[in-house]
N, C-alpha and C. Protein backbone atom coordinates (compact mmCIF):
# COMPACT_ATOMS: atom_id res chain seq x y z
N UNK A 1 -27.92 2.46 -17.83
CA UNK A 1 -27.85 1.70 -16.59
C UNK A 1 -26.97 0.47 -16.78
N UNK A 2 -26.15 0.23 -15.80
CA UNK A 2 -25.32 -0.96 -15.80
C UNK A 2 -26.05 -2.03 -15.00
N UNK A 3 -26.71 -2.95 -15.70
CA UNK A 3 -27.56 -3.92 -15.02
C UNK A 3 -26.75 -5.03 -14.33
N UNK A 4 -25.45 -4.86 -14.25
CA UNK A 4 -24.62 -5.77 -13.46
C UNK A 4 -24.49 -5.25 -12.03
N UNK A 5 -24.78 -3.98 -11.84
CA UNK A 5 -24.71 -3.33 -10.54
C UNK A 5 -26.05 -3.54 -9.81
N UNK A 6 -26.03 -3.99 -8.56
CA UNK A 6 -27.26 -4.30 -7.82
C UNK A 6 -28.17 -3.08 -7.70
N UNK A 7 -27.59 -1.92 -7.43
CA UNK A 7 -28.41 -0.71 -7.29
C UNK A 7 -29.11 -0.37 -8.60
N UNK A 8 -28.42 -0.53 -9.72
CA UNK A 8 -29.04 -0.27 -11.02
C UNK A 8 -30.15 -1.28 -11.32
N UNK A 9 -29.94 -2.52 -10.92
CA UNK A 9 -30.98 -3.55 -11.11
C UNK A 9 -32.23 -3.17 -10.33
N UNK A 10 -32.06 -2.71 -9.10
CA UNK A 10 -33.20 -2.33 -8.26
C UNK A 10 -33.93 -1.13 -8.88
N UNK A 11 -33.18 -0.10 -9.29
CA UNK A 11 -33.82 1.07 -9.89
C UNK A 11 -34.55 0.69 -11.18
N UNK A 12 -33.92 -0.14 -11.99
CA UNK A 12 -34.52 -0.57 -13.25
C UNK A 12 -35.83 -1.31 -12.99
N UNK A 13 -35.84 -2.17 -11.98
CA UNK A 13 -37.06 -2.90 -11.64
C UNK A 13 -38.18 -1.95 -11.22
N UNK A 14 -37.85 -0.96 -10.41
CA UNK A 14 -38.87 0.00 -9.96
C UNK A 14 -39.41 0.81 -11.14
N UNK A 15 -38.52 1.25 -12.03
CA UNK A 15 -38.97 2.01 -13.20
C UNK A 15 -39.84 1.15 -14.12
N UNK A 16 -39.48 -0.10 -14.32
CA UNK A 16 -40.30 -1.00 -15.16
C UNK A 16 -41.70 -1.13 -14.58
N UNK A 17 -41.80 -1.34 -13.26
CA UNK A 17 -43.11 -1.48 -12.62
C UNK A 17 -43.89 -0.17 -12.68
N UNK A 18 -43.23 0.94 -12.46
CA UNK A 18 -43.90 2.24 -12.45
C UNK A 18 -44.46 2.59 -13.83
N UNK A 19 -43.68 2.37 -14.86
CA UNK A 19 -44.16 2.72 -16.20
C UNK A 19 -45.21 1.74 -16.70
N UNK A 20 -45.15 0.49 -16.24
CA UNK A 20 -46.20 -0.47 -16.59
C UNK A 20 -47.52 -0.06 -15.95
N UNK A 21 -47.46 0.54 -14.73
CA UNK A 21 -48.66 0.96 -14.02
C UNK A 21 -49.10 2.37 -14.39
N UNK A 22 -48.35 3.06 -15.23
CA UNK A 22 -48.65 4.44 -15.56
C UNK A 22 -49.74 4.56 -16.62
N UNK A 23 -50.17 5.79 -16.83
CA UNK A 23 -51.11 6.11 -17.88
C UNK A 23 -50.43 7.08 -18.83
N UNK A 24 -50.24 6.76 -20.10
CA UNK A 24 -50.48 5.45 -20.70
C UNK A 24 -49.40 4.46 -20.25
N UNK A 25 -49.75 3.20 -20.29
CA UNK A 25 -48.82 2.15 -19.89
C UNK A 25 -47.77 1.95 -20.98
N UNK A 26 -46.53 1.76 -20.55
CA UNK A 26 -45.44 1.60 -21.51
C UNK A 26 -44.36 0.73 -20.88
N UNK A 27 -43.59 0.07 -21.72
CA UNK A 27 -42.47 -0.73 -21.24
C UNK A 27 -41.26 0.19 -21.10
N UNK A 28 -40.66 0.23 -19.92
CA UNK A 28 -39.52 1.11 -19.66
C UNK A 28 -38.35 0.80 -20.59
N UNK A 29 -38.15 -0.47 -20.89
CA UNK A 29 -37.06 -0.85 -21.80
C UNK A 29 -37.27 -0.26 -23.19
N UNK A 30 -38.55 -0.19 -23.64
CA UNK A 30 -38.85 0.44 -24.93
C UNK A 30 -38.56 1.94 -24.89
N UNK A 31 -38.87 2.58 -23.75
CA UNK A 31 -38.57 4.00 -23.61
C UNK A 31 -37.06 4.25 -23.72
N UNK A 32 -36.28 3.40 -23.05
CA UNK A 32 -34.83 3.54 -23.12
C UNK A 32 -34.31 3.32 -24.54
N UNK A 33 -34.85 2.31 -25.18
CA UNK A 33 -34.41 1.97 -26.54
C UNK A 33 -34.74 3.07 -27.54
N UNK A 34 -35.89 3.72 -27.36
CA UNK A 34 -36.35 4.73 -28.31
C UNK A 34 -36.01 6.16 -27.89
N UNK A 35 -35.24 6.30 -26.82
CA UNK A 35 -34.88 7.64 -26.34
C UNK A 35 -34.00 8.35 -27.35
N UNK A 36 -34.21 9.65 -27.45
CA UNK A 36 -33.35 10.45 -28.32
C UNK A 36 -32.08 10.82 -27.55
N UNK A 37 -31.06 11.20 -28.28
CA UNK A 37 -29.79 11.58 -27.68
C UNK A 37 -29.63 13.10 -27.85
N UNK A 38 -29.34 13.79 -26.74
CA UNK A 38 -29.16 15.25 -26.84
C UNK A 38 -27.74 15.59 -27.28
N UNK A 39 -27.44 16.87 -27.37
CA UNK A 39 -26.13 17.30 -27.87
C UNK A 39 -24.98 16.97 -26.93
N UNK A 40 -25.30 16.57 -25.69
CA UNK A 40 -24.26 16.17 -24.73
C UNK A 40 -24.10 14.66 -24.66
N UNK A 41 -24.80 13.95 -25.54
CA UNK A 41 -24.69 12.50 -25.59
C UNK A 41 -25.54 11.77 -24.55
N UNK A 42 -26.47 12.47 -23.92
CA UNK A 42 -27.34 11.87 -22.90
C UNK A 42 -28.66 11.45 -23.51
N UNK A 43 -29.21 10.34 -22.99
CA UNK A 43 -30.53 9.89 -23.45
C UNK A 43 -31.60 10.81 -22.88
N UNK A 44 -32.55 11.16 -23.71
CA UNK A 44 -33.67 12.01 -23.29
C UNK A 44 -34.92 11.15 -23.31
N UNK A 45 -35.47 10.89 -22.11
CA UNK A 45 -36.65 10.05 -21.96
C UNK A 45 -37.83 10.95 -21.60
N UNK A 46 -38.92 10.90 -22.35
CA UNK A 46 -40.07 11.77 -22.06
C UNK A 46 -40.92 11.24 -20.89
N UNK A 47 -40.30 11.11 -19.72
CA UNK A 47 -40.98 10.49 -18.58
C UNK A 47 -42.12 11.33 -18.03
N UNK A 48 -42.12 12.63 -18.28
CA UNK A 48 -43.21 13.47 -17.78
C UNK A 48 -44.48 13.33 -18.63
N UNK A 49 -44.42 12.56 -19.70
CA UNK A 49 -45.61 12.28 -20.51
C UNK A 49 -46.47 11.18 -19.89
N UNK A 50 -46.00 10.61 -18.78
CA UNK A 50 -46.68 9.47 -18.16
C UNK A 50 -47.04 9.83 -16.72
N UNK A 51 -48.20 9.34 -16.28
CA UNK A 51 -48.67 9.61 -14.92
C UNK A 51 -48.96 8.30 -14.21
N UNK A 52 -48.74 8.31 -12.90
CA UNK A 52 -49.03 7.14 -12.09
C UNK A 52 -49.52 7.65 -10.74
N UNK A 53 -50.51 6.98 -10.17
CA UNK A 53 -51.03 7.39 -8.87
C UNK A 53 -49.94 7.31 -7.81
N UNK A 54 -49.92 8.31 -6.93
CA UNK A 54 -48.92 8.38 -5.86
C UNK A 54 -48.89 7.12 -5.00
N UNK A 55 -50.08 6.61 -4.67
CA UNK A 55 -50.11 5.41 -3.81
C UNK A 55 -49.54 4.18 -4.52
N UNK A 56 -49.69 4.12 -5.83
CA UNK A 56 -49.12 3.02 -6.60
C UNK A 56 -47.59 3.14 -6.63
N UNK A 57 -47.09 4.36 -6.85
CA UNK A 57 -45.64 4.57 -6.82
C UNK A 57 -45.07 4.23 -5.46
N UNK A 58 -45.77 4.63 -4.39
CA UNK A 58 -45.32 4.31 -3.03
C UNK A 58 -45.27 2.80 -2.80
N UNK A 59 -46.28 2.09 -3.29
CA UNK A 59 -46.32 0.64 -3.12
C UNK A 59 -45.19 -0.02 -3.89
N UNK A 60 -44.96 0.43 -5.11
CA UNK A 60 -43.86 -0.11 -5.91
C UNK A 60 -42.53 0.10 -5.18
N UNK A 61 -42.34 1.31 -4.68
CA UNK A 61 -41.09 1.62 -3.98
C UNK A 61 -40.93 0.75 -2.73
N UNK A 62 -41.95 0.73 -1.88
CA UNK A 62 -41.85 -0.03 -0.62
C UNK A 62 -41.72 -1.53 -0.85
N UNK A 63 -42.48 -2.06 -1.78
CA UNK A 63 -42.39 -3.50 -2.08
C UNK A 63 -41.00 -3.88 -2.59
N UNK A 64 -40.43 -3.04 -3.45
CA UNK A 64 -39.11 -3.33 -4.00
C UNK A 64 -38.04 -3.23 -2.91
N UNK A 65 -38.14 -2.22 -2.05
CA UNK A 65 -37.17 -2.08 -0.96
C UNK A 65 -37.24 -3.29 -0.03
N UNK A 66 -38.45 -3.74 0.27
CA UNK A 66 -38.62 -4.91 1.14
C UNK A 66 -38.09 -6.18 0.46
N UNK A 67 -38.34 -6.31 -0.82
CA UNK A 67 -37.89 -7.48 -1.57
C UNK A 67 -36.36 -7.64 -1.49
N UNK A 68 -35.65 -6.51 -1.59
CA UNK A 68 -34.19 -6.55 -1.59
C UNK A 68 -33.58 -6.28 -0.21
N UNK A 69 -34.44 -6.11 0.80
CA UNK A 69 -33.94 -5.90 2.16
C UNK A 69 -33.20 -4.59 2.35
N UNK A 70 -33.66 -3.55 1.67
CA UNK A 70 -33.02 -2.24 1.75
C UNK A 70 -33.70 -1.43 2.84
N UNK A 71 -32.92 -0.89 3.78
CA UNK A 71 -33.50 -0.04 4.81
C UNK A 71 -32.53 1.07 5.20
N UNK A 72 -32.98 1.94 6.08
CA UNK A 72 -32.15 3.01 6.62
C UNK A 72 -31.66 4.00 5.59
N UNK A 73 -30.39 4.35 5.72
CA UNK A 73 -29.77 5.38 4.90
C UNK A 73 -29.83 5.03 3.41
N UNK A 74 -29.59 3.77 3.08
CA UNK A 74 -29.60 3.36 1.68
C UNK A 74 -31.01 3.50 1.09
N UNK A 75 -32.03 3.21 1.89
CA UNK A 75 -33.42 3.34 1.44
C UNK A 75 -33.73 4.81 1.09
N UNK A 76 -33.22 5.72 1.90
CA UNK A 76 -33.44 7.15 1.63
C UNK A 76 -32.80 7.55 0.31
N UNK A 77 -31.63 6.99 0.04
CA UNK A 77 -30.97 7.28 -1.23
C UNK A 77 -31.78 6.78 -2.42
N UNK A 78 -32.33 5.57 -2.30
CA UNK A 78 -33.18 5.04 -3.36
C UNK A 78 -34.44 5.89 -3.52
N UNK A 79 -34.99 6.34 -2.41
CA UNK A 79 -36.20 7.17 -2.43
C UNK A 79 -35.96 8.43 -3.24
N UNK A 80 -34.87 9.10 -2.97
CA UNK A 80 -34.54 10.33 -3.69
C UNK A 80 -34.32 10.03 -5.17
N UNK A 81 -33.55 8.99 -5.45
CA UNK A 81 -33.26 8.64 -6.84
C UNK A 81 -34.51 8.27 -7.62
N UNK A 82 -35.41 7.50 -7.00
CA UNK A 82 -36.62 7.05 -7.68
C UNK A 82 -37.57 8.21 -7.96
N UNK A 83 -37.90 8.97 -6.92
CA UNK A 83 -38.91 10.01 -7.08
C UNK A 83 -38.41 11.24 -7.83
N UNK A 84 -37.12 11.55 -7.73
CA UNK A 84 -36.58 12.70 -8.45
C UNK A 84 -35.90 12.31 -9.76
N UNK A 85 -35.83 11.01 -10.01
CA UNK A 85 -35.24 10.52 -11.26
C UNK A 85 -36.27 10.54 -12.38
N UNK A 86 -36.26 9.52 -13.21
CA UNK A 86 -37.15 9.52 -14.38
C UNK A 86 -38.40 8.67 -14.16
N UNK A 87 -38.94 8.68 -12.94
CA UNK A 87 -40.19 7.97 -12.71
C UNK A 87 -41.35 8.78 -13.30
N UNK A 88 -42.48 8.12 -13.55
CA UNK A 88 -43.64 8.84 -14.10
C UNK A 88 -44.10 9.94 -13.14
N UNK A 89 -44.77 10.92 -13.68
CA UNK A 89 -45.32 12.01 -12.89
C UNK A 89 -46.36 11.45 -11.93
N UNK A 90 -46.28 11.79 -10.65
CA UNK A 90 -47.24 11.31 -9.66
C UNK A 90 -48.54 12.11 -9.71
N UNK A 91 -49.64 11.44 -9.42
CA UNK A 91 -50.93 12.14 -9.35
C UNK A 91 -51.74 11.57 -8.20
N UNK A 92 -52.58 12.41 -7.63
CA UNK A 92 -53.42 12.00 -6.52
C UNK A 92 -54.71 11.39 -7.02
N UNK A 93 -55.30 10.56 -6.18
CA UNK A 93 -56.62 10.00 -6.52
C UNK A 93 -57.71 10.97 -6.10
N UNK A 94 -58.77 11.03 -6.88
CA UNK A 94 -59.92 11.86 -6.54
C UNK A 94 -59.69 13.32 -6.82
N UNK A 95 -60.68 14.11 -6.48
CA UNK A 95 -60.64 15.54 -6.69
C UNK A 95 -60.23 16.21 -5.38
N UNK A 96 -58.95 16.39 -5.21
CA UNK A 96 -58.47 17.02 -4.00
C UNK A 96 -58.02 18.43 -4.35
N UNK A 97 -58.78 19.38 -3.87
CA UNK A 97 -58.46 20.77 -4.14
C UNK A 97 -57.44 21.26 -3.12
N UNK A 98 -56.34 21.85 -3.57
CA UNK A 98 -55.33 22.32 -2.63
C UNK A 98 -55.89 23.35 -1.65
N UNK A 99 -56.87 24.14 -2.10
CA UNK A 99 -57.44 25.17 -1.22
C UNK A 99 -58.18 24.56 -0.04
N UNK A 100 -58.75 23.39 -0.23
CA UNK A 100 -59.48 22.73 0.85
C UNK A 100 -58.53 22.20 1.93
N UNK A 101 -57.28 21.96 1.56
CA UNK A 101 -56.33 21.37 2.49
C UNK A 101 -55.48 22.40 3.22
N UNK A 102 -55.64 23.67 2.89
CA UNK A 102 -54.84 24.72 3.53
C UNK A 102 -55.56 25.20 4.77
N UNK A 103 -54.85 25.13 5.88
CA UNK A 103 -55.41 25.65 7.13
C UNK A 103 -54.97 27.09 7.31
N UNK A 104 -55.83 27.87 7.89
CA UNK A 104 -55.51 29.25 8.12
C UNK A 104 -54.56 29.32 9.32
N UNK A 105 -53.43 29.96 9.09
CA UNK A 105 -52.45 30.10 10.15
C UNK A 105 -52.66 31.43 10.88
N UNK A 106 -52.68 31.35 12.18
CA UNK A 106 -52.81 32.58 12.97
C UNK A 106 -51.57 32.73 13.81
N UNK A 107 -51.07 33.98 13.85
CA UNK A 107 -49.87 34.26 14.63
C UNK A 107 -50.19 35.15 15.79
């Protein structure tokens, strides 16, 4: 990440908050520093080893967007980058069975 670029600063801040709130808690900068390098020269971060509640990730995202005054089309871009990037794996609170939430469709 080029932390001179405003967009990279915003993403870095969201990742730092998300990994601090994850289970297990970790410093995102430490993850970057200790990342292995693959054969293509890319950093490999084990971000799927960490979990964070969906509502916490949503709050981190929304609070950061509001802090920097990001809205509209640009906000959607950040949303895609954050959730599909190297953020911790999201998890729901409580025991929510997917079968209980499926409604029977009739045609």
